[in-house]
Amino acid sequence: MSTSTAPKPTFYLNLPTTSLPSAKAFYTALGFHPLPAWTDAETASFLLPSPNQSIALMVHDAHARFKTFMRPGAAVVDAHTSTEVLFSVACETKGEVDGWLARVEGAGGRRDPFVMKGFGEGMGMYSRSWEDLDGHVWESVAMVGGGEGEKGEEKGEEKGEEKA
């Protein structure tokens, strides 16, 4: 994908990395599309793969660049020991979700740092998690059915009400 035909990002994810060259190789191997215009010695920029291509990922050297965007005195989260946020990549099918896991492992990441009960089936999805080289947890998700609230409403139950 050339940047001249790339959609303009409408949302930006900014992540710290301890190795910019490794992060660039990892995300490129997953099919993220490089944005050379916003890439320099301290930041690598990408568009997420379709259908999420309106989202840009900006991976910054943790100390040289990322800290310039933070509150003074705040620490960079160690994603191997703390959860800062969960990122979910939309997929059309279960096969596409599983394809993400294969690419993640092939690029040196880790599949399923956590597993939802039934891979999220009870919430109308097929969700698998994966971890990048810096420990940031991502999910690849296909919405495959009605959510838990929808099922409860069909049974005449209120959303969030515990089942006996």
N, C-alpha and C. Protein backbone atom coordinates (compact mmCIF):
# COMPACT_ATOMS: atom_id res chain seq x y z
N MET A 1 0.86 -1.17 0.00
CA MET A 1 0.00 0.00 0.00
C MET A 1 0.89 1.23 0.00
N SER A 2 0.73 2.11 -0.95
CA SER A 2 1.53 3.33 -0.95
C SER A 2 0.84 4.37 -0.09
N THR A 3 1.64 5.25 0.49
CA THR A 3 1.06 6.26 1.37
C THR A 3 0.21 7.26 0.60
N SER A 4 0.40 7.39 -0.73
CA SER A 4 -0.40 8.33 -1.50
C SER A 4 -1.84 7.86 -1.63
N THR A 5 -2.10 6.56 -1.58
CA THR A 5 -3.45 6.03 -1.67
C THR A 5 -3.97 5.56 -0.32
N ALA A 6 -3.16 5.65 0.71
CA ALA A 6 -3.56 5.20 2.04
C ALA A 6 -4.60 6.15 2.62
N PRO A 7 -5.60 5.60 3.34
CA PRO A 7 -6.57 6.47 3.98
C PRO A 7 -5.91 7.30 5.08
N LYS A 8 -6.45 8.47 5.33
CA LYS A 8 -5.93 9.29 6.42
C LYS A 8 -6.37 8.66 7.74
N PRO A 9 -5.43 8.42 8.65
CA PRO A 9 -5.81 7.82 9.93
C PRO A 9 -6.81 8.68 10.69
N THR A 10 -7.74 8.03 11.37
CA THR A 10 -8.71 8.73 12.21
C THR A 10 -8.47 8.45 13.68
N PHE A 11 -7.55 7.55 13.98
CA PHE A 11 -7.24 7.18 15.36
C PHE A 11 -5.78 6.76 15.40
N TYR A 12 -5.08 7.17 16.44
CA TYR A 12 -3.65 6.87 16.55
C TYR A 12 -3.37 6.12 17.84
N LEU A 13 -2.69 4.99 17.73
CA LEU A 13 -2.19 4.25 18.89
C LEU A 13 -0.71 4.55 19.01
N ASN A 14 -0.27 4.93 20.19
CA ASN A 14 1.14 5.21 20.43
C ASN A 14 1.66 4.23 21.46
N LEU A 15 2.68 3.46 21.11
CA LEU A 15 3.24 2.46 22.02
C LEU A 15 4.74 2.67 22.17
N PRO A 16 5.24 2.41 23.38
CA PRO A 16 6.69 2.43 23.55
C PRO A 16 7.29 1.10 23.14
N THR A 17 8.54 1.11 22.74
CA THR A 17 9.26 -0.12 22.43
C THR A 17 10.68 -0.02 22.96
N THR A 18 11.24 -1.15 23.32
CA THR A 18 12.64 -1.17 23.76
C THR A 18 13.58 -1.42 22.60
N SER A 19 13.05 -1.83 21.44
CA SER A 19 13.87 -2.06 20.25
C SER A 19 13.08 -1.66 19.01
N LEU A 20 13.32 -0.46 18.52
CA LEU A 20 12.59 0.02 17.35
C LEU A 20 12.81 -0.87 16.12
N PRO A 21 14.04 -1.30 15.82
CA PRO A 21 14.22 -2.19 14.66
C PRO A 21 13.42 -3.49 14.78
N SER A 22 13.39 -4.09 15.97
CA SER A 22 12.62 -5.33 16.17
C SER A 22 11.13 -5.08 16.03
N ALA A 23 10.64 -3.98 16.59
CA ALA A 23 9.21 -3.64 16.48
C ALA A 23 8.82 -3.41 15.03
N LYS A 24 9.67 -2.71 14.27
CA LYS A 24 9.38 -2.46 12.85
C LYS A 24 9.28 -3.79 12.09
N ALA A 25 10.21 -4.69 12.33
CA ALA A 25 10.19 -5.99 11.65
C ALA A 25 8.95 -6.79 12.05
N PHE A 26 8.60 -6.77 13.33
CA PHE A 26 7.45 -7.52 13.85
C PHE A 26 6.16 -7.05 13.18
N TYR A 27 5.88 -5.77 13.25
CA TYR A 27 4.62 -5.26 12.70
C TYR A 27 4.56 -5.37 11.18
N THR A 28 5.68 -5.23 10.52
CA THR A 28 5.72 -5.42 9.07
C THR A 28 5.38 -6.87 8.73
N ALA A 29 5.92 -7.82 9.50
CA ALA A 29 5.65 -9.25 9.28
C ALA A 29 4.17 -9.58 9.49
N LEU A 30 3.47 -8.79 10.31
CA LEU A 30 2.05 -9.03 10.55
C LEU A 30 1.16 -8.41 9.48
N GLY A 31 1.75 -7.68 8.56
CA GLY A 31 0.97 -7.07 7.49
C GLY A 31 0.58 -5.63 7.74
N PHE A 32 1.13 -5.00 8.78
CA PHE A 32 0.89 -3.58 8.99
C PHE A 32 1.59 -2.83 7.85
N HIS A 33 1.01 -1.73 7.41
CA HIS A 33 1.52 -0.98 6.26
C HIS A 33 2.35 0.21 6.73
N PRO A 34 3.65 0.23 6.43
CA PRO A 34 4.51 1.34 6.87
C PRO A 34 4.05 2.70 6.34
N LEU A 35 4.19 3.70 7.18
CA LEU A 35 3.92 5.09 6.80
C LEU A 35 5.24 5.85 6.86
N PRO A 36 6.02 5.81 5.79
CA PRO A 36 7.35 6.42 5.80
C PRO A 36 7.34 7.91 6.15
N ALA A 37 6.29 8.62 5.78
CA ALA A 37 6.25 10.06 6.05
C ALA A 37 6.29 10.38 7.55
N TRP A 38 5.85 9.44 8.39
CA TRP A 38 5.83 9.66 9.83
C TRP A 38 6.82 8.77 10.55
N THR A 39 7.80 8.27 9.85
CA THR A 39 8.81 7.39 10.43
C THR A 39 10.15 8.10 10.43
N ASP A 40 10.87 7.98 11.56
CA ASP A 40 12.21 8.55 11.65
C ASP A 40 13.06 7.65 12.54
N ALA A 41 14.18 8.13 13.02
CA ALA A 41 15.09 7.31 13.82
C ALA A 41 14.51 6.90 15.17
N GLU A 42 13.46 7.58 15.64
CA GLU A 42 12.89 7.29 16.96
C GLU A 42 11.46 6.79 16.92
N THR A 43 10.84 6.77 15.74
CA THR A 43 9.44 6.36 15.61
C THR A 43 9.25 5.58 14.31
N ALA A 44 8.48 4.49 14.40
CA ALA A 44 8.03 3.76 13.21
C ALA A 44 6.52 3.88 13.16
N SER A 45 5.99 4.25 12.02
CA SER A 45 4.55 4.46 11.88
C SER A 45 3.96 3.50 10.86
N PHE A 46 2.75 3.05 11.14
CA PHE A 46 2.07 2.06 10.31
C PHE A 46 0.58 2.36 10.24
N LEU A 47 -0.08 1.83 9.22
CA LEU A 47 -1.52 1.69 9.21
C LEU A 47 -1.81 0.24 9.51
N LEU A 48 -2.85 -0.03 10.31
CA LEU A 48 -3.25 -1.39 10.56
C LEU A 48 -3.79 -2.01 9.28
N PRO A 49 -3.73 -3.35 9.17
CA PRO A 49 -4.28 -4.02 7.99
C PRO A 49 -5.80 -3.84 7.91
N SER A 50 -6.35 -3.98 6.72
CA SER A 50 -7.78 -3.90 6.47
C SER A 50 -8.50 -4.97 7.30
N PRO A 51 -9.63 -4.69 7.87
CA PRO A 51 -10.50 -3.54 7.70
C PRO A 51 -10.24 -2.42 8.70
N ASN A 52 -9.09 -2.39 9.32
CA ASN A 52 -8.76 -1.42 10.37
C ASN A 52 -7.81 -0.34 9.88
N GLN A 53 -7.75 -0.12 8.58
CA GLN A 53 -6.73 0.72 7.98
C GLN A 53 -6.88 2.21 8.26
N SER A 54 -7.91 2.63 8.97
CA SER A 54 -8.01 4.04 9.35
C SER A 54 -7.33 4.29 10.70
N ILE A 55 -6.70 3.26 11.25
CA ILE A 55 -6.00 3.37 12.53
C ILE A 55 -4.50 3.33 12.27
N ALA A 56 -3.80 4.28 12.85
CA ALA A 56 -2.34 4.33 12.73
C ALA A 56 -1.71 3.85 14.03
N LEU A 57 -0.65 3.08 13.89
CA LEU A 57 0.16 2.65 15.03
C LEU A 57 1.48 3.40 14.95
N MET A 58 1.80 4.11 16.02
CA MET A 58 3.06 4.84 16.12
C MET A 58 3.87 4.14 17.21
N VAL A 59 4.97 3.50 16.84
CA VAL A 59 5.82 2.79 17.80
C VAL A 59 7.05 3.67 18.03
N HIS A 60 7.23 4.06 19.28
CA HIS A 60 8.29 5.01 19.63
C HIS A 60 9.36 4.37 20.50
N ASP A 61 10.60 4.78 20.31
CA ASP A 61 11.65 4.42 21.25
C ASP A 61 11.17 4.86 22.63
N ALA A 62 11.19 3.94 23.60
CA ALA A 62 10.60 4.18 24.91
C ALA A 62 11.17 5.40 25.62
N HIS A 63 12.43 5.67 25.44
CA HIS A 63 13.04 6.77 26.19
C HIS A 63 13.30 7.99 25.33
N ALA A 64 13.73 7.81 24.10
CA ALA A 64 14.09 8.95 23.26
C ALA A 64 12.86 9.73 22.79
N ARG A 65 11.73 9.07 22.54
CA ARG A 65 10.58 9.76 21.97
C ARG A 65 9.32 9.61 22.81
N PHE A 66 8.99 8.39 23.24
CA PHE A 66 7.70 8.15 23.88
C PHE A 66 7.49 9.05 25.10
N LYS A 67 8.52 9.23 25.91
CA LYS A 67 8.38 10.03 27.13
C LYS A 67 8.06 11.49 26.84
N THR A 68 8.34 11.97 25.64
CA THR A 68 8.02 13.37 25.32
C THR A 68 6.51 13.59 25.24
N PHE A 69 5.71 12.52 25.12
CA PHE A 69 4.26 12.62 25.06
C PHE A 69 3.60 12.39 26.42
N MET A 70 4.38 12.12 27.45
CA MET A 70 3.84 11.72 28.75
C MET A 70 3.83 12.88 29.75
N ARG A 71 2.98 12.73 30.78
CA ARG A 71 3.00 13.67 31.89
C ARG A 71 4.36 13.65 32.55
N PRO A 72 4.87 14.79 33.00
CA PRO A 72 6.15 14.80 33.72
C PRO A 72 6.10 13.89 34.95
N GLY A 73 7.12 13.10 35.13
CA GLY A 73 7.21 12.21 36.29
C GLY A 73 6.51 10.87 36.12
N ALA A 74 5.75 10.69 35.04
CA ALA A 74 5.05 9.42 34.82
C ALA A 74 6.04 8.38 34.29
N ALA A 75 5.80 7.12 34.67
CA ALA A 75 6.67 6.03 34.22
C ALA A 75 6.07 5.35 32.99
N VAL A 76 6.94 4.86 32.12
CA VAL A 76 6.50 4.04 30.99
C VAL A 76 6.10 2.68 31.55
N VAL A 77 4.93 2.20 31.20
CA VAL A 77 4.43 0.91 31.69
C VAL A 77 5.28 -0.22 31.12
N ASP A 78 5.62 -1.19 31.97
CA ASP A 78 6.26 -2.42 31.50
C ASP A 78 5.13 -3.37 31.13
N ALA A 79 4.87 -3.50 29.85
CA ALA A 79 3.74 -4.30 29.39
C ALA A 79 3.88 -5.79 29.68
N HIS A 80 5.08 -6.24 30.09
CA HIS A 80 5.25 -7.64 30.47
C HIS A 80 4.69 -7.90 31.87
N THR A 81 4.52 -6.84 32.68
CA THR A 81 4.05 -7.03 34.06
C THR A 81 2.76 -6.29 34.37
N SER A 82 2.33 -5.38 33.51
CA SER A 82 1.12 -4.59 33.74
C SER A 82 0.31 -4.53 32.45
N THR A 83 -1.01 -4.40 32.61
CA THR A 83 -1.86 -4.22 31.44
C THR A 83 -2.22 -2.76 31.36
N GLU A 84 -1.79 -2.10 30.29
CA GLU A 84 -2.09 -0.69 30.12
C GLU A 84 -3.41 -0.50 29.38
N VAL A 85 -3.66 -1.38 28.41
CA VAL A 85 -4.84 -1.29 27.56
C VAL A 85 -4.89 -2.57 26.72
N LEU A 86 -6.05 -2.92 26.21
CA LEU A 86 -6.17 -4.04 25.27
C LEU A 86 -6.54 -3.49 23.91
N PHE A 87 -5.87 -3.95 22.88
CA PHE A 87 -6.16 -3.55 21.51
C PHE A 87 -6.85 -4.72 20.83
N SER A 88 -7.94 -4.44 20.13
CA SER A 88 -8.65 -5.50 19.41
C SER A 88 -8.67 -5.17 17.93
N VAL A 89 -8.21 -6.13 17.13
CA VAL A 89 -8.18 -6.00 15.68
C VAL A 89 -9.38 -6.75 15.12
N ALA A 90 -10.23 -6.05 14.36
CA ALA A 90 -11.43 -6.66 13.79
C ALA A 90 -11.07 -7.62 12.66
N CYS A 91 -11.69 -8.79 12.70
CA CYS A 91 -11.53 -9.81 11.66
C CYS A 91 -12.92 -10.22 11.19
N GLU A 92 -12.99 -10.76 9.99
CA GLU A 92 -14.28 -11.19 9.43
C GLU A 92 -14.64 -12.62 9.82
N THR A 93 -13.63 -13.50 10.00
CA THR A 93 -13.90 -14.91 10.23
C THR A 93 -12.97 -15.48 11.30
N LYS A 94 -13.34 -16.65 11.81
CA LYS A 94 -12.46 -17.36 12.74
C LYS A 94 -11.13 -17.69 12.08
N GLY A 95 -11.16 -18.07 10.81
CA GLY A 95 -9.93 -18.39 10.08
C GLY A 95 -8.99 -17.20 10.01
N GLU A 96 -9.56 -16.01 9.83
CA GLU A 96 -8.73 -14.80 9.80
C GLU A 96 -8.10 -14.56 11.17
N VAL A 97 -8.86 -14.79 12.24
CA VAL A 97 -8.32 -14.66 13.60
C VAL A 97 -7.14 -15.63 13.77
N ASP A 98 -7.34 -16.88 13.38
CA ASP A 98 -6.28 -17.88 13.52
C ASP A 98 -5.07 -17.53 12.65
N GLY A 99 -5.30 -16.91 11.50
CA GLY A 99 -4.21 -16.45 10.65
C GLY A 99 -3.34 -15.42 11.35
N TRP A 100 -3.97 -14.54 12.14
CA TRP A 100 -3.20 -13.56 12.92
C TRP A 100 -2.26 -14.28 13.88
N LEU A 101 -2.77 -15.31 14.56
CA LEU A 101 -1.93 -16.03 15.53
C LEU A 101 -0.73 -16.66 14.85
N ALA A 102 -0.93 -17.22 13.68
CA ALA A 102 0.19 -17.84 12.94
C ALA A 102 1.23 -16.79 12.56
N ARG A 103 0.76 -15.62 12.10
CA ARG A 103 1.71 -14.56 11.73
C ARG A 103 2.45 -14.03 12.95
N VAL A 104 1.74 -13.90 14.06
CA VAL A 104 2.37 -13.42 15.30
C VAL A 104 3.50 -14.36 15.71
N GLU A 105 3.21 -15.65 15.75
CA GLU A 105 4.26 -16.61 16.13
C GLU A 105 5.41 -16.59 15.14
N GLY A 106 5.11 -16.49 13.86
CA GLY A 106 6.15 -16.45 12.84
C GLY A 106 7.05 -15.23 12.96
N ALA A 107 6.50 -14.15 13.51
CA ALA A 107 7.26 -12.91 13.67
C ALA A 107 7.94 -12.80 15.03
N GLY A 108 7.78 -13.84 15.88
CA GLY A 108 8.45 -13.84 17.18
C GLY A 108 7.58 -13.45 18.35
N GLY A 109 6.29 -13.20 18.11
CA GLY A 109 5.38 -12.86 19.20
C GLY A 109 4.85 -14.13 19.87
N ARG A 110 3.95 -13.93 20.84
CA ARG A 110 3.42 -15.06 21.62
C ARG A 110 1.90 -15.09 21.50
N ARG A 111 1.37 -16.28 21.21
CA ARG A 111 -0.08 -16.44 21.11
C ARG A 111 -0.68 -16.70 22.49
N ASP A 112 -1.91 -16.26 22.65
CA ASP A 112 -2.74 -16.54 23.82
C ASP A 112 -2.07 -16.28 25.17
N PRO A 113 -1.60 -15.05 25.45
CA PRO A 113 -1.11 -14.77 26.80
C PRO A 113 -2.24 -14.91 27.82
N PHE A 114 -3.48 -14.82 27.37
CA PHE A 114 -4.64 -15.19 28.17
C PHE A 114 -5.69 -15.74 27.21
N VAL A 115 -6.58 -16.56 27.73
CA VAL A 115 -7.63 -17.17 26.90
C VAL A 115 -8.97 -16.92 27.56
N MET A 116 -9.88 -16.31 26.82
CA MET A 116 -11.24 -16.12 27.32
C MET A 116 -11.96 -17.47 27.31
N LYS A 117 -12.86 -17.66 28.27
CA LYS A 117 -13.66 -18.88 28.32
C LYS A 117 -14.36 -19.06 26.97
N GLY A 118 -14.17 -20.22 26.36
CA GLY A 118 -14.79 -20.51 25.07
C GLY A 118 -14.35 -19.57 23.96
N PHE A 119 -13.20 -18.94 24.14
CA PHE A 119 -12.69 -17.95 23.17
C PHE A 119 -13.71 -16.84 22.90
N GLY A 120 -14.53 -16.51 23.93
CA GLY A 120 -15.49 -15.41 23.82
C GLY A 120 -16.82 -15.79 23.21
N GLU A 121 -17.04 -17.09 22.97
CA GLU A 121 -18.26 -17.54 22.31
C GLU A 121 -19.52 -17.05 23.03
N GLY A 122 -19.50 -17.03 24.36
CA GLY A 122 -20.66 -16.59 25.14
C GLY A 122 -20.98 -15.12 24.96
N MET A 123 -20.06 -14.37 24.38
CA MET A 123 -20.28 -12.94 24.12
C MET A 123 -20.44 -12.67 22.63
N GLY A 124 -20.66 -13.74 21.85
CA GLY A 124 -20.91 -13.58 20.43
C GLY A 124 -19.68 -13.29 19.59
N MET A 125 -18.53 -13.75 20.07
CA MET A 125 -17.30 -13.48 19.33
C MET A 125 -16.36 -14.68 19.37
N TYR A 126 -15.39 -14.65 18.52
CA TYR A 126 -14.26 -15.57 18.56
C TYR A 126 -13.05 -14.67 18.76
N SER A 127 -12.45 -14.75 19.94
CA SER A 127 -11.38 -13.84 20.32
C SER A 127 -10.15 -14.62 20.75
N ARG A 128 -9.02 -14.27 20.17
CA ARG A 128 -7.74 -14.86 20.55
C ARG A 128 -6.78 -13.71 20.85
N SER A 129 -5.96 -13.90 21.85
CA SER A 129 -5.03 -12.84 22.23
C SER A 129 -3.63 -13.17 21.76
N TRP A 130 -2.82 -12.12 21.64
CA TRP A 130 -1.42 -12.29 21.27
C TRP A 130 -0.62 -11.13 21.85
N GLU A 131 0.66 -11.39 22.00
CA GLU A 131 1.55 -10.44 22.63
C GLU A 131 2.66 -10.05 21.67
N ASP A 132 2.94 -8.75 21.56
CA ASP A 132 4.03 -8.31 20.70
C ASP A 132 5.36 -8.47 21.43
N LEU A 133 6.44 -8.05 20.82
CA LEU A 133 7.78 -8.26 21.38
C LEU A 133 8.02 -7.48 22.65
N ASP A 134 7.25 -6.40 22.88
CA ASP A 134 7.40 -5.59 24.08
C ASP A 134 6.38 -5.95 25.15
N GLY A 135 5.57 -7.00 24.93
CA GLY A 135 4.61 -7.46 25.92
C GLY A 135 3.24 -6.81 25.82
N HIS A 136 3.00 -5.95 24.82
CA HIS A 136 1.68 -5.34 24.65
C HIS A 136 0.71 -6.43 24.17
N VAL A 137 -0.43 -6.53 24.85
CA VAL A 137 -1.42 -7.55 24.52
C VAL A 137 -2.41 -7.00 23.50
N TRP A 138 -2.61 -7.76 22.45
CA TRP A 138 -3.56 -7.46 21.39
C TRP A 138 -4.56 -8.61 21.33
N GLU A 139 -5.71 -8.37 20.71
CA GLU A 139 -6.67 -9.42 20.43
C GLU A 139 -7.03 -9.35 18.95
N SER A 140 -7.28 -10.47 18.36
CA SER A 140 -7.88 -10.55 17.03
C SER A 140 -9.26 -11.13 17.26
N VAL A 141 -10.30 -10.43 16.78
CA VAL A 141 -11.67 -10.76 17.13
C VAL A 141 -12.57 -10.80 15.90
N ALA A 142 -13.35 -11.87 15.79
CA ALA A 142 -14.42 -11.96 14.78
C ALA A 142 -15.74 -12.01 15.54
N MET A 143 -16.65 -11.11 15.20
CA MET A 143 -17.98 -11.11 15.82
C MET A 143 -18.80 -12.16 15.06
N VAL A 144 -19.14 -13.25 15.76
CA VAL A 144 -19.75 -14.40 15.08
C VAL A 144 -21.18 -14.69 15.52
N GLY A 145 -21.72 -13.89 16.41
CA GLY A 145 -23.08 -14.14 16.86
C GLY A 145 -23.53 -13.05 17.80
N GLY A 146 -24.70 -13.23 18.37
CA GLY A 146 -25.23 -12.25 19.30
C GLY A 146 -24.45 -12.24 20.60
N GLY A 147 -24.37 -11.09 21.22
CA GLY A 147 -23.67 -10.96 22.49
C GLY A 147 -24.47 -11.49 23.65
N GLU A 148 -23.87 -11.58 24.81
CA GLU A 148 -24.51 -12.11 26.01
C GLU A 148 -25.76 -11.30 26.35
N GLY A 149 -25.68 -9.97 26.26
CA GLY A 149 -26.84 -9.13 26.57
C GLY A 149 -28.00 -9.43 25.64
N GLU A 150 -27.69 -9.63 24.38
CA GLU A 150 -28.72 -9.94 23.39
C GLU A 150 -29.40 -11.27 23.72
N LYS A 151 -28.62 -12.27 24.12
CA LYS A 151 -29.18 -13.57 24.48
C LYS A 151 -30.07 -13.45 25.70
N GLY A 152 -29.62 -12.66 26.69
CA GLY A 152 -30.40 -12.47 27.91
C GLY A 152 -31.72 -11.79 27.63
N GLU A 153 -31.71 -10.77 26.75
CA GLU A 153 -32.94 -10.06 26.42
C GLU A 153 -33.93 -11.00 25.74
N GLU A 154 -33.43 -11.92 24.91
CA GLU A 154 -34.31 -12.87 24.24
C GLU A 154 -35.01 -13.76 25.26
N LYS A 155 -34.36 -14.00 26.40
CA LYS A 155 -34.93 -14.86 27.43
C LYS A 155 -35.73 -14.04 28.44
N GLY A 156 -35.87 -12.73 28.19
CA GLY A 156 -36.65 -11.90 29.10
C GLY A 156 -35.86 -11.44 30.31
N GLU A 157 -34.56 -11.60 30.30
CA GLU A 157 -33.73 -11.19 31.42
C GLU A 157 -33.19 -9.79 31.17
N GLU A 158 -32.89 -9.07 32.22
CA GLU A 158 -32.27 -7.76 32.11
C GLU A 158 -30.79 -7.94 31.84
N LYS A 159 -30.20 -6.99 31.10
CA LYS A 159 -28.75 -7.01 30.87
C LYS A 159 -28.03 -6.94 32.20
N GLY A 160 -26.99 -7.73 32.34
CA GLY A 160 -26.15 -7.70 33.54
C GLY A 160 -26.72 -8.50 34.70
N GLU A 161 -27.95 -9.01 34.60
CA GLU A 161 -28.56 -9.77 35.68
C GLU A 161 -27.94 -11.16 35.74
N GLU A 162 -27.59 -11.60 36.93
CA GLU A 162 -26.99 -12.92 37.11
C GLU A 162 -28.04 -14.00 36.87
N LYS A 163 -27.62 -15.08 36.26
CA LYS A 163 -28.50 -16.23 36.06
C LYS A 163 -28.40 -17.12 37.27
N ALA A 164 -29.53 -17.66 37.69
CA ALA A 164 -29.54 -18.52 38.88
C ALA A 164 -29.03 -19.89 38.58
